[in-house]
Amino acid sequence: MVFMFLIPHIICAQKIFPVKYQSESDLKVFVVDYESQADLKVYKLQYMSQVKGNDGLWYFAKYKSEADKKIYFVDYQSQSDLKIFFVKYKSQAGWRNKGKIHLMY
């Protein structure tokens, strides 16, 4: 029975809202220059309805209340919990470091 309540949260864990202050965030993120440096390759979705799974398909929510994860973009790689690289195509999105997959649940 508990499993049924967990599924919607897991499926929708890719609705993201960038916050202005680190104290408001669930996760500190750094955008790397090269794909090989990333823990996660991220593709930006246009519509919330496209969100599914935990594969780097992110929808940037317009409101904090819509988001499953609030992120703060840090200035230095050493400050981050997760390093991401934005890709051009949806098929390129995904985890490079599966050891950090739990951060997006």
N, C-alpha and C. Protein backbone atom coordinates (compact mmCIF):
# COMPACT_ATOMS: atom_id res chain seq x y z
N MET A 1 0.82 -1.20 0.00
CA MET A 1 0.00 0.00 0.00
C MET A 1 0.87 1.27 0.00
N VAL A 2 1.93 1.27 0.80
CA VAL A 2 2.84 2.40 0.85
C VAL A 2 3.50 2.61 -0.52
N PHE A 3 3.78 1.52 -1.22
CA PHE A 3 4.41 1.58 -2.53
C PHE A 3 3.60 2.45 -3.50
N MET A 4 2.29 2.39 -3.43
CA MET A 4 1.44 3.17 -4.32
C MET A 4 1.64 4.67 -4.12
N PHE A 5 1.93 5.09 -2.89
CA PHE A 5 2.13 6.51 -2.61
C PHE A 5 3.50 6.99 -3.06
N LEU A 6 4.45 6.10 -3.16
CA LEU A 6 5.80 6.46 -3.58
C LEU A 6 5.93 6.62 -5.08
N ILE A 7 5.17 5.90 -5.84
CA ILE A 7 5.28 5.92 -7.31
C ILE A 7 5.10 7.32 -7.90
N PRO A 8 4.06 8.09 -7.55
CA PRO A 8 3.93 9.41 -8.16
C PRO A 8 5.12 10.32 -7.88
N HIS A 9 5.70 10.22 -6.70
CA HIS A 9 6.85 11.07 -6.38
C HIS A 9 8.07 10.66 -7.22
N ILE A 10 8.29 9.39 -7.38
CA ILE A 10 9.42 8.91 -8.16
C ILE A 10 9.26 9.27 -9.63
N ILE A 11 8.09 9.09 -10.16
CA ILE A 11 7.85 9.36 -11.57
C ILE A 11 8.01 10.85 -11.89
N CYS A 12 7.62 11.72 -10.99
CA CYS A 12 7.63 13.15 -11.25
C CYS A 12 8.82 13.88 -10.64
N ALA A 13 9.89 13.19 -10.37
CA ALA A 13 11.02 13.78 -9.66
C ALA A 13 11.88 14.68 -10.54
N GLN A 14 11.43 15.01 -11.71
CA GLN A 14 12.25 15.83 -12.60
C GLN A 14 11.64 17.20 -12.88
N LYS A 15 10.72 17.65 -12.04
CA LYS A 15 10.21 19.02 -12.14
C LYS A 15 11.09 19.86 -11.22
N ILE A 16 11.81 20.78 -11.82
CA ILE A 16 12.89 21.51 -11.16
C ILE A 16 12.54 22.99 -11.04
N PHE A 17 12.94 23.59 -9.92
CA PHE A 17 12.80 25.03 -9.76
C PHE A 17 14.11 25.58 -9.21
N PRO A 18 14.76 26.48 -9.94
CA PRO A 18 15.99 27.09 -9.43
C PRO A 18 15.65 28.18 -8.41
N VAL A 19 16.27 28.11 -7.25
CA VAL A 19 16.02 29.09 -6.20
C VAL A 19 17.17 30.10 -6.12
N LYS A 20 16.92 31.24 -5.49
CA LYS A 20 17.90 32.31 -5.40
C LYS A 20 18.89 32.12 -4.25
N TYR A 21 18.45 31.35 -3.24
CA TYR A 21 19.27 31.20 -2.05
C TYR A 21 19.55 29.72 -1.78
N GLN A 22 20.79 29.42 -1.44
CA GLN A 22 21.20 28.05 -1.19
C GLN A 22 20.38 27.40 -0.08
N SER A 23 20.00 28.17 0.92
CA SER A 23 19.25 27.64 2.06
C SER A 23 17.86 27.14 1.67
N GLU A 24 17.35 27.58 0.52
CA GLU A 24 16.03 27.15 0.04
C GLU A 24 16.09 25.85 -0.78
N SER A 25 17.28 25.42 -1.11
CA SER A 25 17.44 24.34 -2.08
C SER A 25 17.44 22.95 -1.45
N ASP A 26 17.10 21.98 -2.29
CA ASP A 26 17.23 20.57 -1.94
C ASP A 26 18.58 20.05 -2.40
N LEU A 27 19.15 20.73 -3.39
CA LEU A 27 20.33 20.23 -4.07
C LEU A 27 21.16 21.37 -4.64
N LYS A 28 22.48 21.27 -4.53
CA LYS A 28 23.38 22.26 -5.12
C LYS A 28 23.92 21.68 -6.42
N VAL A 29 23.78 22.44 -7.51
CA VAL A 29 24.12 21.96 -8.84
C VAL A 29 25.16 22.86 -9.48
N PHE A 30 26.08 22.22 -10.21
CA PHE A 30 27.10 22.95 -10.97
C PHE A 30 27.01 22.49 -12.42
N VAL A 31 27.01 23.44 -13.33
CA VAL A 31 26.97 23.14 -14.76
C VAL A 31 28.40 23.07 -15.27
N VAL A 32 28.79 21.89 -15.76
CA VAL A 32 30.16 21.68 -16.25
C VAL A 32 30.27 22.06 -17.73
N ASP A 33 31.49 22.24 -18.18
CA ASP A 33 31.75 22.64 -19.56
C ASP A 33 31.76 21.47 -20.53
N TYR A 34 32.07 20.29 -20.00
CA TYR A 34 32.21 19.12 -20.87
C TYR A 34 31.36 17.95 -20.37
N GLU A 35 30.77 17.25 -21.29
CA GLU A 35 29.91 16.10 -20.98
C GLU A 35 30.62 15.08 -20.10
N SER A 36 31.89 14.86 -20.34
CA SER A 36 32.66 13.86 -19.60
C SER A 36 32.83 14.20 -18.12
N GLN A 37 32.61 15.46 -17.75
CA GLN A 37 32.74 15.89 -16.35
C GLN A 37 31.44 15.73 -15.56
N ALA A 38 30.35 15.46 -16.24
CA ALA A 38 29.02 15.48 -15.62
C ALA A 38 28.67 14.18 -14.92
N ASP A 39 27.87 14.32 -13.86
CA ASP A 39 27.23 13.17 -13.22
C ASP A 39 25.94 12.83 -13.99
N LEU A 40 25.29 13.89 -14.50
CA LEU A 40 24.01 13.74 -15.18
C LEU A 40 23.97 14.64 -16.40
N LYS A 41 23.56 14.07 -17.52
CA LYS A 41 23.33 14.86 -18.74
C LYS A 41 21.84 15.20 -18.78
N VAL A 42 21.56 16.50 -18.86
CA VAL A 42 20.20 17.01 -18.72
C VAL A 42 19.68 17.58 -20.03
N TYR A 43 18.43 17.23 -20.34
CA TYR A 43 17.74 17.81 -21.47
C TYR A 43 16.56 18.61 -20.91
N LYS A 44 16.42 19.86 -21.34
CA LYS A 44 15.33 20.72 -20.87
C LYS A 44 14.06 20.44 -21.67
N LEU A 45 13.02 20.05 -20.95
CA LEU A 45 11.72 19.78 -21.56
C LEU A 45 10.92 21.07 -21.68
N GLN A 46 10.04 21.13 -22.69
CA GLN A 46 9.19 22.30 -22.88
C GLN A 46 7.89 22.21 -22.10
N TYR A 47 7.42 20.99 -21.85
CA TYR A 47 6.12 20.80 -21.23
C TYR A 47 6.21 19.88 -20.01
N MET A 48 5.48 20.23 -18.97
CA MET A 48 5.46 19.43 -17.76
C MET A 48 4.95 18.01 -18.02
N SER A 49 4.08 17.86 -18.98
CA SER A 49 3.49 16.55 -19.29
C SER A 49 4.53 15.57 -19.85
N GLN A 50 5.69 16.05 -20.27
CA GLN A 50 6.74 15.19 -20.82
C GLN A 50 7.62 14.56 -19.74
N VAL A 51 7.46 15.01 -18.50
CA VAL A 51 8.29 14.52 -17.40
C VAL A 51 7.98 13.06 -17.10
N LYS A 52 9.06 12.27 -17.00
CA LYS A 52 8.91 10.87 -16.60
C LYS A 52 10.25 10.35 -16.10
N GLY A 53 10.19 9.49 -15.12
CA GLY A 53 11.38 8.82 -14.63
C GLY A 53 12.45 9.71 -14.06
N ASN A 54 13.64 9.17 -13.95
CA ASN A 54 14.79 9.86 -13.38
C ASN A 54 15.95 9.72 -14.35
N ASP A 55 15.76 10.24 -15.56
CA ASP A 55 16.75 10.06 -16.63
C ASP A 55 17.33 11.36 -17.17
N GLY A 56 17.22 12.44 -16.40
CA GLY A 56 17.80 13.70 -16.85
C GLY A 56 16.91 14.52 -17.75
N LEU A 57 15.63 14.19 -17.80
CA LEU A 57 14.66 15.00 -18.55
C LEU A 57 14.03 15.97 -17.55
N TRP A 58 14.46 17.22 -17.59
CA TRP A 58 14.04 18.20 -16.60
C TRP A 58 13.07 19.20 -17.20
N TYR A 59 12.03 19.46 -16.44
CA TYR A 59 11.10 20.54 -16.76
C TYR A 59 11.32 21.62 -15.70
N PHE A 60 11.65 22.82 -16.13
CA PHE A 60 11.85 23.92 -15.20
C PHE A 60 10.50 24.57 -14.91
N ALA A 61 10.02 24.33 -13.71
CA ALA A 61 8.70 24.82 -13.28
C ALA A 61 8.70 26.34 -13.15
N LYS A 62 7.54 26.91 -13.40
CA LYS A 62 7.39 28.37 -13.29
C LYS A 62 7.22 28.79 -11.83
N TYR A 63 6.71 27.88 -11.02
CA TYR A 63 6.46 28.18 -9.61
C TYR A 63 7.11 27.14 -8.72
N LYS A 64 7.62 27.59 -7.59
CA LYS A 64 8.28 26.71 -6.64
C LYS A 64 7.36 25.58 -6.18
N SER A 65 6.09 25.88 -6.03
CA SER A 65 5.13 24.88 -5.54
C SER A 65 4.90 23.73 -6.54
N GLU A 66 5.23 23.92 -7.80
CA GLU A 66 5.08 22.87 -8.82
C GLU A 66 6.26 21.90 -8.82
N ALA A 67 7.36 22.31 -8.24
CA ALA A 67 8.60 21.55 -8.36
C ALA A 67 8.69 20.39 -7.38
N ASP A 68 9.37 19.34 -7.83
CA ASP A 68 9.71 18.22 -6.97
C ASP A 68 11.07 18.44 -6.33
N LYS A 69 11.93 19.17 -7.00
CA LYS A 69 13.26 19.48 -6.49
C LYS A 69 13.56 20.96 -6.71
N LYS A 70 14.06 21.58 -5.66
CA LYS A 70 14.52 22.96 -5.75
C LYS A 70 16.05 22.91 -5.79
N ILE A 71 16.61 23.54 -6.82
CA ILE A 71 18.06 23.49 -6.98
C ILE A 71 18.66 24.89 -6.88
N TYR A 72 19.91 24.91 -6.47
CA TYR A 72 20.67 26.14 -6.40
C TYR A 72 21.93 25.95 -7.24
N PHE A 73 22.13 26.82 -8.20
CA PHE A 73 23.31 26.74 -9.05
C PHE A 73 24.50 27.41 -8.34
N VAL A 74 25.53 26.62 -8.09
CA VAL A 74 26.73 27.13 -7.39
C VAL A 74 27.77 27.59 -8.40
N ASP A 75 28.71 28.38 -7.92
CA ASP A 75 29.74 28.95 -8.79
C ASP A 75 30.95 28.04 -8.97
N TYR A 76 31.12 27.11 -8.04
CA TYR A 76 32.30 26.25 -8.08
C TYR A 76 31.91 24.78 -7.99
N GLN A 77 32.58 23.96 -8.74
CA GLN A 77 32.31 22.53 -8.80
C GLN A 77 32.40 21.88 -7.42
N SER A 78 33.36 22.32 -6.62
CA SER A 78 33.58 21.74 -5.29
C SER A 78 32.42 21.99 -4.32
N GLN A 79 31.56 22.95 -4.62
CA GLN A 79 30.42 23.27 -3.77
C GLN A 79 29.19 22.42 -4.11
N SER A 80 29.24 21.69 -5.20
CA SER A 80 28.04 21.03 -5.72
C SER A 80 27.81 19.63 -5.16
N ASP A 81 26.53 19.26 -5.16
CA ASP A 81 26.12 17.89 -4.87
C ASP A 81 26.06 17.10 -6.18
N LEU A 82 25.74 17.81 -7.27
CA LEU A 82 25.51 17.18 -8.57
C LEU A 82 26.09 18.05 -9.68
N LYS A 83 26.83 17.43 -10.58
CA LYS A 83 27.39 18.14 -11.74
C LYS A 83 26.56 17.74 -12.96
N ILE A 84 26.08 18.75 -13.68
CA ILE A 84 25.24 18.47 -14.85
C ILE A 84 25.83 19.10 -16.10
N PHE A 85 25.39 18.55 -17.23
CA PHE A 85 25.76 19.09 -18.54
C PHE A 85 24.47 19.11 -19.36
N PHE A 86 24.14 20.26 -19.94
CA PHE A 86 22.93 20.37 -20.76
C PHE A 86 23.22 19.85 -22.16
N VAL A 87 22.37 18.92 -22.63
CA VAL A 87 22.52 18.33 -23.96
C VAL A 87 21.49 18.92 -24.91
N LYS A 88 21.75 18.78 -26.20
CA LYS A 88 20.88 19.35 -27.23
C LYS A 88 19.70 18.44 -27.59
N TYR A 89 19.87 17.15 -27.40
CA TYR A 89 18.85 16.20 -27.82
C TYR A 89 18.38 15.33 -26.66
N LYS A 90 17.10 15.06 -26.63
CA LYS A 90 16.47 14.26 -25.58
C LYS A 90 17.14 12.90 -25.42
N SER A 91 17.53 12.30 -26.52
CA SER A 91 18.13 10.96 -26.51
C SER A 91 19.50 10.94 -25.83
N GLN A 92 20.13 12.09 -25.65
CA GLN A 92 21.45 12.17 -25.03
C GLN A 92 21.38 12.23 -23.50
N ALA A 93 20.21 12.51 -22.95
CA ALA A 93 20.06 12.68 -21.50
C ALA A 93 20.27 11.35 -20.78
N GLY A 94 20.79 11.45 -19.56
CA GLY A 94 20.95 10.26 -18.75
C GLY A 94 22.09 10.38 -17.75
N TRP A 95 22.17 9.38 -16.90
CA TRP A 95 23.17 9.36 -15.84
C TRP A 95 24.52 8.86 -16.34
N ARG A 96 25.56 9.57 -15.97
CA ARG A 96 26.94 9.11 -16.21
C ARG A 96 27.50 8.54 -14.90
N ASN A 97 27.02 9.04 -13.77
CA ASN A 97 27.46 8.57 -12.46
C ASN A 97 26.23 8.08 -11.70
N LYS A 98 25.92 6.82 -11.84
CA LYS A 98 24.72 6.25 -11.22
C LYS A 98 24.80 6.25 -9.69
N GLY A 99 25.97 6.50 -9.15
CA GLY A 99 26.12 6.59 -7.70
C GLY A 99 25.41 7.81 -7.11
N LYS A 100 25.02 8.74 -7.96
CA LYS A 100 24.34 9.95 -7.50
C LYS A 100 22.85 9.97 -7.87
N ILE A 101 22.35 8.89 -8.41
CA ILE A 101 20.97 8.83 -8.87
C ILE A 101 19.97 9.09 -7.74
N HIS A 102 20.34 8.71 -6.53
CA HIS A 102 19.47 8.90 -5.38
C HIS A 102 19.18 10.38 -5.09
N LEU A 103 20.04 11.28 -5.54
CA LEU A 103 19.84 12.71 -5.29
C LEU A 103 18.58 13.26 -5.94
N MET A 104 18.13 12.63 -6.99
CA MET A 104 16.96 13.13 -7.72
C MET A 104 15.66 12.41 -7.34
N TYR A 105 15.69 11.58 -6.33
CA TYR A 105 14.44 10.96 -5.86
C TYR A 105 13.87 11.74 -4.72
